[in-house]
Amino acid sequence: MEEITAALGDSARWRIVEFLAEQPRSVGELAELTGLRQPQTTKHLQTLARAGLVTVFPLGQRRVYALDAAPLTALAARLGELAETTDAHRGEREIIARYRATIEAETALADRDRWADGRAFSFERVLPVPRAVVWQHWVDPGLLASWWAPPSMAITECALEPKPGGRAVLEYRDAEGRRYRSGGAVHTAKKPEHLVFELSVLGGPGAVSFTSHYDLALDETPDGTRLRLGLHITDTTVEAVPYIAGIETGWGQVLDNLTDTVGATQHTSETKEDRS
């Protein structure tokens, strides 16, 4: 497939293919139709032939070239698959577009430090597992690392120590190797229902871009656990615009990660019970 797309990527070869689609033609005919010299036309035809797109028929002293439809059909099918996949994941593109628009809107507001202090966000999910399981996914570092990162990010360190004064830290890196670190402390930890903590996003050495204050509540329901997460921000700086613009989308994504992760855990547990 790569050879086919490379062969068709040249505009002169593309014109040759268009003319051959109408009917088989000789080198001379193609050179006249495309305005190329015959040696150039021959080289292009050889490239198309190596890619399997063109077959040559020696007819006495003439050589006539014909287009093979099969590789084009295969390419069309593959392009159709790519178009379907792109359409199925159009929501990801929409998220990026909304994030960019939010950054532009926030940039217009960020004219001084503390410009967004007091801004609040809230999230809610119903998770199909007991709240003790959800609690463990917040306070166990290994489980926390399995969901607490936006797409395309990799966690390098995370912790929420479930005790007053316990350490709170989140560090991750993006695909380009840039690292992002937040540090803070846990203030309240009432197992398995209530966790209060804060995290300061760190910029330069010792510099705080902004601080997020979190209040996590887990309530039992007939369907499992209702998770309610509230947060408000303080200490906001002008440089924090990209982070603040991504809070709503980012937390929506990581809580979806959590939902999927605990759902998979529940499925695995049920499967083991069925086998025993």
C-alpha atoms as a PDB file:
ATOM      1  CA  MET A   1       0.000   0.000   0.000  1.00  0.00           C
ATOM      2  CA  GLU A   2       2.870   2.397   0.817  1.00  0.00           C
ATOM      3  CA  GLU A   3       4.376   1.892  -2.638  1.00  0.00           C
ATOM      4  CA  ILE A   4       1.046   2.607  -4.300  1.00  0.00           C
ATOM      5  CA  THR A   5       0.471   5.830  -2.395  1.00  0.00           C
ATOM      6  CA  ALA A   6       4.063   6.930  -3.042  1.00  0.00           C
ATOM      7  CA  ALA A   7       3.638   6.299  -6.769  1.00  0.00           C
ATOM      8  CA  LEU A   8       0.384   8.238  -6.889  1.00  0.00           C
ATOM      9  CA  GLY A   9       1.822  11.107  -4.860  1.00  0.00           C
ATOM     10  CA  ASP A  10       3.512  12.624  -7.911  1.00  0.00           C
ATOM     11  CA  SER A  11       1.266  14.951  -9.937  1.00  0.00           C
ATOM     12  CA  ALA A  12       2.707  13.830 -13.294  1.00  0.00           C
ATOM     13  CA  ARG A  13       2.129  10.158 -12.490  1.00  0.00           C
ATOM     14  CA  TRP A  14      -1.374  11.012 -11.300  1.00  0.00           C
ATOM     15  CA  ARG A  15      -2.145  12.568 -14.709  1.00  0.00           C
ATOM     16  CA  ILE A  16      -0.792   9.459 -16.440  1.00  0.00           C
ATOM     17  CA  VAL A  17      -3.076   7.286 -14.295  1.00  0.00           C
ATOM     18  CA  GLU A  18      -6.053   9.475 -15.208  1.00  0.00           C
ATOM     19  CA  PHE A  19      -5.348   9.045 -18.930  1.00  0.00           C
ATOM     20  CA  LEU A  20      -4.767   5.289 -18.561  1.00  0.00           C
ATOM     21  CA  ALA A  21      -8.062   4.966 -16.712  1.00  0.00           C
ATOM     22  CA  GLU A  22      -9.796   5.918 -19.968  1.00  0.00           C
ATOM     23  CA  GLN A  23      -7.952   3.377 -22.141  1.00  0.00           C
ATOM     24  CA  PRO A  24      -4.546   1.697 -22.629  1.00  0.00           C
ATOM     25  CA  ARG A  25      -2.011   4.021 -24.261  1.00  0.00           C
ATOM     26  CA  SER A  26       1.542   4.023 -25.603  1.00  0.00           C
ATOM     27  CA  VAL A  27       4.429   6.061 -24.211  1.00  0.00           C
ATOM     28  CA  GLY A  28       4.168   8.474 -27.126  1.00  0.00           C
ATOM     29  CA  GLU A  29       0.461   9.089 -26.552  1.00  0.00           C
ATOM     30  CA  LEU A  30       0.987   9.691 -22.865  1.00  0.00           C
ATOM     31  CA  ALA A  31       3.923  12.031 -23.489  1.00  0.00           C
ATOM     32  CA  GLU A  32       1.822  14.084 -25.883  1.00  0.00           C
ATOM     33  CA  LEU A  33      -1.173  14.201 -23.520  1.00  0.00           C
ATOM     34  CA  THR A  34       0.863  15.160 -20.435  1.00  0.00           C
ATOM     35  CA  GLY A  35       3.362  17.460 -22.116  1.00  0.00           C
ATOM     36  CA  LEU A  36       6.269  15.414 -20.767  1.00  0.00           C
ATOM     37  CA  ARG A  37       9.258  14.141 -22.696  1.00  0.00           C
ATOM     38  CA  GLN A  38       9.173  10.453 -23.596  1.00  0.00           C
ATOM     39  CA  PRO A  39      12.109   9.479 -21.313  1.00  0.00           C
ATOM     40  CA  GLN A  40      10.357  11.151 -18.376  1.00  0.00           C
ATOM     41  CA  THR A  41       7.104   9.419 -19.250  1.00  0.00           C
ATOM     42  CA  THR A  42       8.865   6.053 -19.436  1.00  0.00           C
ATOM     43  CA  LYS A  43      10.395   6.512 -15.971  1.00  0.00           C
ATOM     44  CA  HIS A  44       7.011   7.405 -14.504  1.00  0.00           C
ATOM     45  CA  LEU A  45       5.454   4.340 -16.105  1.00  0.00           C
ATOM     46  CA  GLN A  46       8.196   2.141 -14.682  1.00  0.00           C
ATOM     47  CA  THR A  47       7.460   3.502 -11.188  1.00  0.00           C
ATOM     48  CA  LEU A  48       3.752   2.822 -11.648  1.00  0.00           C
ATOM     49  CA  ALA A  49       4.519  -0.674 -12.916  1.00  0.00           C
ATOM     50  CA  ARG A  50       6.699  -1.473  -9.872  1.00  0.00           C
ATOM     51  CA  ALA A  51       3.803  -0.430  -7.661  1.00  0.00           C
ATOM     52  CA  GLY A  52       1.537  -2.852  -9.521  1.00  0.00           C
ATOM     53  CA  LEU A  53      -0.637  -0.103 -10.939  1.00  0.00           C
ATOM     54  CA  VAL A  54       0.317  -0.518 -14.598  1.00  0.00           C
ATOM     55  CA  THR A  55       0.840  -3.523 -16.871  1.00  0.00           C
ATOM     56  CA  VAL A  56       2.863  -3.271 -20.093  1.00  0.00           C
ATOM     57  CA  PHE A  57       1.840  -5.139 -23.239  1.00  0.00           C
ATOM     58  CA  PRO A  58       4.572  -5.476 -25.950  1.00  0.00           C
ATOM     59  CA  LEU A  59       2.784  -5.299 -29.331  1.00  0.00           C
ATOM     60  CA  GLY A  60       5.478  -5.796 -31.930  1.00  0.00           C
ATOM     61  CA  GLN A  61       7.656  -2.711 -31.768  1.00  0.00           C
ATOM     62  CA  ARG A  62       5.104  -0.832 -29.656  1.00  0.00           C
ATOM     63  CA  ARG A  63       4.620  -1.031 -25.916  1.00  0.00           C
ATOM     64  CA  VAL A  64       1.151  -0.257 -24.640  1.00  0.00           C
ATOM     65  CA  TYR A  65       0.436   0.416 -20.990  1.00  0.00           C
ATOM     66  CA  ALA A  66      -2.824  -0.452 -19.232  1.00  0.00           C
ATOM     67  CA  LEU A  67      -4.040   0.488 -15.763  1.00  0.00           C
ATOM     68  CA  ASP A  68      -4.757  -2.311 -13.280  1.00  0.00           C
ATOM     69  CA  ALA A  69      -7.903  -1.544 -11.272  1.00  0.00           C
ATOM     70  CA  ALA A  70      -7.247  -3.993  -8.412  1.00  0.00           C
ATOM     71  CA  PRO A  71      -4.640  -1.896  -6.534  1.00  0.00           C
ATOM     72  CA  LEU A  72      -6.843   1.192  -6.903  1.00  0.00           C
ATOM     73  CA  THR A  73      -9.809  -0.734  -5.527  1.00  0.00           C
ATOM     74  CA  ALA A  74      -7.721  -1.875  -2.548  1.00  0.00           C
ATOM     75  CA  LEU A  75      -6.532   1.690  -1.955  1.00  0.00           C
ATOM     76  CA  ALA A  76     -10.086   3.015  -2.174  1.00  0.00           C
ATOM     77  CA  ALA A  77     -11.205   0.441   0.394  1.00  0.00           C
ATOM     78  CA  ARG A  78      -8.394   1.383   2.752  1.00  0.00           C
ATOM     79  CA  LEU A  79      -9.151   5.091   2.388  1.00  0.00           C
ATOM     80  CA  GLY A  80     -12.788   4.314   3.098  1.00  0.00           C
ATOM     81  CA  GLU A  81     -11.778   2.517   6.304  1.00  0.00           C
ATOM     82  CA  LEU A  82      -9.669   5.490   7.370  1.00  0.00           C
ATOM     83  CA  ALA A  83     -12.556   7.859   6.669  1.00  0.00           C
ATOM     84  CA  GLU A  84     -14.905   5.702   8.765  1.00  0.00           C
ATOM     85  CA  THR A  85     -12.402   5.545  11.638  1.00  0.00           C
ATOM     86  CA  THR A  86     -11.902   9.309  11.491  1.00  0.00           C
ATOM     87  CA  ASP A  87     -15.650   9.883  11.552  1.00  0.00           C
ATOM     88  CA  ALA A  88     -16.111   7.436  14.441  1.00  0.00           C
ATOM     89  CA  HIS A  89     -13.565   9.380  16.491  1.00  0.00           C
ATOM     90  CA  ARG A  90     -14.643  12.874  15.469  1.00  0.00           C
ATOM     91  CA  GLY A  91     -15.380  13.573  19.120  1.00  0.00           C
ATOM     92  CA  GLU A  92     -11.628  13.643  19.829  1.00  0.00           C
ATOM     93  CA  ARG A  93     -11.153  16.373  17.250  1.00  0.00           C
ATOM     94  CA  GLU A  94     -14.088  18.284  18.705  1.00  0.00           C
ATOM     95  CA  ILE A  95     -12.481  18.107  22.167  1.00  0.00           C
ATOM     96  CA  ILE A  96      -9.268  19.624  20.806  1.00  0.00           C
ATOM     97  CA  ALA A  97     -11.233  22.349  19.011  1.00  0.00           C
ATOM     98  CA  ARG A  98     -13.171  23.207  22.184  1.00  0.00           C
ATOM     99  CA  TYR A  99      -9.969  23.241  24.213  1.00  0.00           C
ATOM    100  CA  ARG A 100      -8.358  25.652  21.770  1.00  0.00           C
ATOM    101  CA  ALA A 101     -11.416  27.911  21.855  1.00  0.00           C
ATOM    102  CA  THR A 102     -11.394  27.851  25.656  1.00  0.00           C
ATOM    103  CA  ILE A 103      -7.710  28.813  25.761  1.00  0.00           C
ATOM    104  CA  GLU A 104      -8.440  31.797  23.516  1.00  0.00           C
ATOM    105  CA  ALA A 105     -11.370  32.864  25.695  1.00  0.00           C
ATOM    106  CA  GLU A 106      -9.386  32.484  28.932  1.00  0.00           C
ATOM    107  CA  THR A 107      -6.401  34.340  27.490  1.00  0.00           C
ATOM    108  CA  ALA A 108      -8.641  37.344  26.909  1.00  0.00           C
ATOM    109  CA  LEU A 109      -9.592  37.308  30.620  1.00  0.00           C
ATOM    110  CA  ALA A 110      -6.169  36.646  32.125  1.00  0.00           C
ATOM    111  CA  ASP A 111      -4.953  40.212  32.452  1.00  0.00           C
ATOM    112  CA  ARG A 112      -3.517  39.889  35.978  1.00  0.00           C
ATOM    113  CA  ASP A 113      -2.621  37.326  38.645  1.00  0.00           C
ATOM    114  CA  ARG A 114      -5.501  35.792  40.619  1.00  0.00           C
ATOM    115  CA  TRP A 115      -7.776  36.432  37.640  1.00  0.00           C
ATOM    116  CA  ALA A 116      -9.571  33.088  38.101  1.00  0.00           C
ATOM    117  CA  ASP A 117      -9.411  32.694  41.880  1.00  0.00           C
ATOM    118  CA  GLY A 118     -12.578  31.162  43.297  1.00  0.00           C
ATOM    119  CA  ARG A 119     -13.686  29.544  40.069  1.00  0.00           C
ATOM    120  CA  ALA A 120     -15.416  26.219  40.864  1.00  0.00           C
ATOM    121  CA  PHE A 121     -16.073  22.984  39.003  1.00  0.00           C
ATOM    122  CA  SER A 122     -18.103  19.902  39.866  1.00  0.00           C
ATOM    123  CA  PHE A 123     -18.247  16.380  38.451  1.00  0.00           C
ATOM    124  CA  GLU A 124     -20.381  13.348  39.149  1.00  0.00           C
ATOM    125  CA  ARG A 125     -20.248   9.691  38.115  1.00  0.00           C
ATOM    126  CA  VAL A 126     -22.059   6.503  39.135  1.00  0.00           C
ATOM    127  CA  LEU A 127     -19.591   3.629  39.268  1.00  0.00           C
ATOM    128  CA  PRO A 128     -20.778  -0.019  39.212  1.00  0.00           C
ATOM    129  CA  VAL A 129     -18.642  -1.151  42.171  1.00  0.00           C
ATOM    130  CA  PRO A 130     -18.717  -0.819  45.977  1.00  0.00           C
ATOM    131  CA  ARG A 131     -17.319   2.435  47.285  1.00  0.00           C
ATOM    132  CA  ALA A 132     -14.458   0.603  49.035  1.00  0.00           C
ATOM    133  CA  VAL A 133     -13.214  -0.340  45.567  1.00  0.00           C
ATOM    134  CA  VAL A 134     -13.515   3.240  44.336  1.00  0.00           C
ATOM    135  CA  TRP A 135     -11.734   4.494  47.447  1.00  0.00           C
ATOM    136  CA  GLN A 136      -8.812   2.142  46.782  1.00  0.00           C
ATOM    137  CA  HIS A 137      -8.517   3.486  43.244  1.00  0.00           C
ATOM    138  CA  TRP A 138      -7.927   6.934  44.757  1.00  0.00           C
ATOM    139  CA  VAL A 139      -5.521   6.094  47.579  1.00  0.00           C
ATOM    140  CA  ASP A 140      -3.516   3.129  46.246  1.00  0.00           C
ATOM    141  CA  PRO A 141      -0.668   4.565  44.090  1.00  0.00           C
ATOM    142  CA  GLY A 142      -0.706   1.682  41.620  1.00  0.00           C
ATOM    143  CA  LEU A 143      -4.462   1.880  41.086  1.00  0.00           C
ATOM    144  CA  LEU A 144      -4.371   5.681  41.019  1.00  0.00           C
ATOM    145  CA  ALA A 145      -1.757   5.577  38.244  1.00  0.00           C
ATOM    146  CA  SER A 146      -4.021   3.315  36.168  1.00  0.00           C
ATOM    147  CA  TRP A 147      -6.502   6.119  35.469  1.00  0.00           C
ATOM    148  CA  TRP A 148      -5.298   9.517  36.743  1.00  0.00           C
ATOM    149  CA  ALA A 149      -3.840  10.950  33.528  1.00  0.00           C
ATOM    150  CA  PRO A 150      -5.344  12.567  30.423  1.00  0.00           C
ATOM    151  CA  PRO A 151      -5.025  10.740  27.083  1.00  0.00           C
ATOM    152  CA  SER A 152      -1.499  10.703  25.588  1.00  0.00           C
ATOM    153  CA  MET A 153       0.021  11.437  29.017  1.00  0.00           C
ATOM    154  CA  ALA A 154       2.042   8.962  31.097  1.00  0.00           C
ATOM    155  CA  ILE A 155       2.132   9.137  34.891  1.00  0.00           C
ATOM    156  CA  THR A 156       5.631   9.070  36.397  1.00  0.00           C
ATOM    157  CA  GLU A 157       4.628   9.592  40.039  1.00  0.00           C
ATOM    158  CA  CYS A 158       1.352   9.915  41.926  1.00  0.00           C
ATOM    159  CA  ALA A 159       0.152   9.634  45.511  1.00  0.00           C
ATOM    160  CA  LEU A 160      -2.754  10.606  47.729  1.00  0.00           C
ATOM    161  CA  GLU A 161      -1.813   9.448  51.229  1.00  0.00           C
ATOM    162  CA  PRO A 162      -5.148   8.977  53.059  1.00  0.00           C
ATOM    163  CA  LYS A 163      -4.380  10.834  56.275  1.00  0.00           C
ATOM    164  CA  PRO A 164      -4.388  14.479  57.397  1.00  0.00           C
ATOM    165  CA  GLY A 165      -1.122  15.992  56.226  1.00  0.00           C
ATOM    166  CA  GLY A 166      -0.537  13.106  53.835  1.00  0.00           C
ATOM    167  CA  ARG A 167       1.401  13.711  50.663  1.00  0.00           C
ATOM    168  CA  ALA A 168      -0.453  14.592  47.457  1.00  0.00           C
ATOM    169  CA  VAL A 169       1.524  14.515  44.232  1.00  0.00           C
ATOM    170  CA  LEU A 170       0.873  14.051  40.537  1.00  0.00           C
ATOM    171  CA  GLU A 171       3.609  14.064  37.912  1.00  0.00           C
ATOM    172  CA  TYR A 172       3.228  13.035  34.302  1.00  0.00           C
ATOM    173  CA  ARG A 173       4.937  13.558  30.970  1.00  0.00           C
ATOM    174  CA  ASP A 174       3.634  14.070  27.461  1.00  0.00           C
ATOM    175  CA  ALA A 175       4.744  12.340  24.267  1.00  0.00           C
ATOM    176  CA  GLU A 176       7.434  14.985  23.693  1.00  0.00           C
ATOM    177  CA  GLY A 177       8.987  14.257  27.101  1.00  0.00           C
ATOM    178  CA  ARG A 178       7.806  17.438  28.852  1.00  0.00           C
ATOM    179  CA  ARG A 179       7.034  16.873  32.526  1.00  0.00           C
ATOM    180  CA  TYR A 180       4.205  18.398  34.534  1.00  0.00           C
ATOM    181  CA  ARG A 181       4.212  18.253  38.321  1.00  0.00           C
ATOM    182  CA  SER A 182       1.678  19.117  41.020  1.00  0.00           C
ATOM    183  CA  GLY A 183       2.251  18.867  44.758  1.00  0.00           C
ATOM    184  CA  GLY A 184       0.208  19.428  47.876  1.00  0.00           C
ATOM    185  CA  ALA A 185      -1.338  17.712  50.865  1.00  0.00           C
ATOM    186  CA  VAL A 186      -4.341  15.703  52.010  1.00  0.00           C
ATOM    187  CA  HIS A 187      -6.491  17.506  54.611  1.00  0.00           C
ATOM    188  CA  THR A 188      -9.323  15.038  55.293  1.00  0.00           C
ATOM    189  CA  ALA A 189      -9.438  11.282  54.775  1.00  0.00           C
ATOM    190  CA  LYS A 190     -12.510   9.454  56.065  1.00  0.00           C
ATOM    191  CA  LYS A 191     -12.376   5.936  54.637  1.00  0.00           C
ATOM    192  CA  PRO A 192     -14.166   5.062  52.370  1.00  0.00           C
ATOM    193  CA  GLU A 193     -16.348   8.091  51.817  1.00  0.00           C
ATOM    194  CA  HIS A 194     -14.586  11.453  51.986  1.00  0.00           C
ATOM    195  CA  LEU A 195     -11.257  12.809  50.776  1.00  0.00           C
ATOM    196  CA  VAL A 196     -10.179  16.461  50.799  1.00  0.00           C
ATOM    197  CA  PHE A 197      -6.852  17.485  49.307  1.00  0.00           C
ATOM    198  CA  GLU A 198      -5.114  20.206  47.367  1.00  0.00           C
ATOM    199  CA  LEU A 199      -2.603  20.235  44.544  1.00  0.00           C
ATOM    200  CA  SER A 200      -0.540  23.164  43.303  1.00  0.00           C
ATOM    201  CA  VAL A 201       0.534  23.037  39.673  1.00  0.00           C
ATOM    202  CA  LEU A 202       4.221  23.942  39.651  1.00  0.00           C
ATOM    203  CA  GLY A 203       5.731  26.111  36.961  1.00  0.00           C
ATOM    204  CA  GLY A 204       9.366  27.168  37.263  1.00  0.00           C
ATOM    205  CA  PRO A 205      11.548  26.252  40.267  1.00  0.00           C
ATOM    206  CA  GLY A 206       9.315  26.741  43.299  1.00  0.00           C
ATOM    207  CA  ALA A 207       6.738  28.716  41.304  1.00  0.00           C
ATOM    208  CA  VAL A 208       3.025  27.915  41.608  1.00  0.00           C
ATOM    209  CA  SER A 209       0.836  28.368  38.518  1.00  0.00           C
ATOM    210  CA  PHE A 210      -2.376  27.797  40.471  1.00  0.00           C
ATOM    211  CA  THR A 211      -3.775  25.622  43.260  1.00  0.00           C
ATOM    212  CA  SER A 212      -6.732  23.268  43.038  1.00  0.00           C
ATOM    213  CA  HIS A 213      -8.727  22.392  46.169  1.00  0.00           C
ATOM    214  CA  TYR A 214     -10.564  19.059  45.866  1.00  0.00           C
ATOM    215  CA  ASP A 215     -13.495  17.617  47.802  1.00  0.00           C
ATOM    216  CA  LEU A 216     -14.298  13.997  46.935  1.00  0.00           C
ATOM    217  CA  ALA A 217     -17.446  12.321  48.287  1.00  0.00           C
ATOM    218  CA  LEU A 218     -18.376   8.666  47.725  1.00  0.00           C
ATOM    219  CA  ASP A 219     -21.954   7.570  48.478  1.00  0.00           C
ATOM    220  CA  GLU A 220     -23.398   4.073  48.295  1.00  0.00           C
ATOM    221  CA  THR A 221     -26.242   3.559  45.807  1.00  0.00           C
ATOM    222  CA  PRO A 222     -28.211   0.511  44.642  1.00  0.00           C
ATOM    223  CA  ASP A 223     -26.115   0.585  41.466  1.00  0.00           C
ATOM    224  CA  GLY A 224     -22.751   0.890  43.203  1.00  0.00           C
ATOM    225  CA  THR A 225     -21.168   4.212  44.130  1.00  0.00           C
ATOM    226  CA  ARG A 226     -22.019   7.805  43.361  1.00  0.00           C
ATOM    227  CA  LEU A 227     -18.862   9.851  43.049  1.00  0.00           C
ATOM    228  CA  ARG A 228     -19.083  13.610  43.507  1.00  0.00           C
ATOM    229  CA  LEU A 229     -15.972  15.695  42.978  1.00  0.00           C
ATOM    230  CA  GLY A 230     -15.916  19.411  43.623  1.00  0.00           C
ATOM    231  CA  LEU A 231     -12.929  21.662  43.119  1.00  0.00           C
ATOM    232  CA  HIS A 232     -12.147  25.335  43.219  1.00  0.00           C
ATOM    233  CA  ILE A 233      -8.961  27.145  42.283  1.00  0.00           C
ATOM    234  CA  THR A 234      -6.825  29.820  43.897  1.00  0.00           C
ATOM    235  CA  ASP A 235      -3.390  31.409  43.416  1.00  0.00           C
ATOM    236  CA  THR A 236      -4.031  31.678  39.683  1.00  0.00           C
ATOM    237  CA  THR A 237      -1.366  33.274  37.507  1.00  0.00           C
ATOM    238  CA  VAL A 238      -1.545  34.536  33.945  1.00  0.00           C
ATOM    239  CA  GLU A 239       0.708  31.660  32.872  1.00  0.00           C
ATOM    240  CA  ALA A 240      -1.878  29.146  34.116  1.00  0.00           C
ATOM    241  CA  VAL A 241      -4.276  29.772  31.212  1.00  0.00           C
ATOM    242  CA  PRO A 242      -3.684  26.449  29.358  1.00  0.00           C
ATOM    243  CA  TYR A 243      -4.075  24.440  32.573  1.00  0.00           C
ATOM    244  CA  ILE A 244      -7.245  26.185  33.692  1.00  0.00           C
ATOM    245  CA  ALA A 245      -8.740  25.981  30.212  1.00  0.00           C
ATOM    246  CA  GLY A 246      -8.288  22.197  30.356  1.00  0.00           C
ATOM    247  CA  ILE A 247      -9.720  21.515  33.811  1.00  0.00           C
ATOM    248  CA  GLU A 248     -13.273  20.675  32.775  1.00  0.00           C
ATOM    249  CA  THR A 249     -12.312  18.556  29.761  1.00  0.00           C
ATOM    250  CA  GLY A 250      -9.344  16.943  31.512  1.00  0.00           C
ATOM    251  CA  TRP A 251     -11.229  15.870  34.601  1.00  0.00           C
ATOM    252  CA  GLY A 252     -14.098  14.638  32.481  1.00  0.00           C
ATOM    253  CA  GLN A 253     -11.662  12.396  30.622  1.00  0.00           C
ATOM    254  CA  VAL A 254      -9.857  11.038  33.677  1.00  0.00           C
ATOM    255  CA  LEU A 255     -13.125  10.275  35.459  1.00  0.00           C
ATOM    256  CA  ASP A 256     -14.211   8.399  32.348  1.00  0.00           C
ATOM    257  CA  ASN A 257     -10.904   6.516  32.670  1.00  0.00           C
ATOM    258  CA  LEU A 258     -11.775   5.705  36.285  1.00  0.00           C
ATOM    259  CA  THR A 259     -15.234   4.498  35.287  1.00  0.00           C
ATOM    260  CA  ASP A 260     -13.776   2.191  32.652  1.00  0.00           C
ATOM    261  CA  THR A 261     -11.038   0.956  34.991  1.00  0.00           C
ATOM    262  CA  VAL A 262     -13.303   0.011  37.897  1.00  0.00           C
ATOM    263  CA  GLY A 263     -15.771  -1.486  35.427  1.00  0.00           C
ATOM    264  CA  ALA A 264     -13.034  -3.741  34.078  1.00  0.00           C
ATOM    265  CA  THR A 265     -12.064  -4.660  37.656  1.00  0.00           C
ATOM    266  CA  GLN A 266     -15.653  -5.621  38.425  1.00  0.00           C
ATOM    267  CA  HIS A 267     -15.889  -7.721  35.254  1.00  0.00           C
ATOM    268  CA  THR A 268     -12.655  -9.551  36.116  1.00  0.00           C
ATOM    269  CA  SER A 269     -13.876 -10.268  39.652  1.00  0.00           C
ATOM    270  CA  GLU A 270     -17.208 -11.614  38.394  1.00  0.00           C
ATOM    271  CA  THR A 271     -15.425 -13.830  35.857  1.00  0.00           C
ATOM    272  CA  LYS A 272     -13.185 -15.314  38.562  1.00  0.00           C
ATOM    273  CA  GLU A 273     -16.217 -15.985  40.772  1.00  0.00           C
ATOM    274  CA  ASP A 274     -18.007 -17.743  37.912  1.00  0.00           C
ATOM    275  CA  ARG A 275     -14.994 -20.009  37.369  1.00  0.00           C
ATOM    276  CA  SER A 276     -14.609 -20.918  41.042  1.00  0.00           C
END
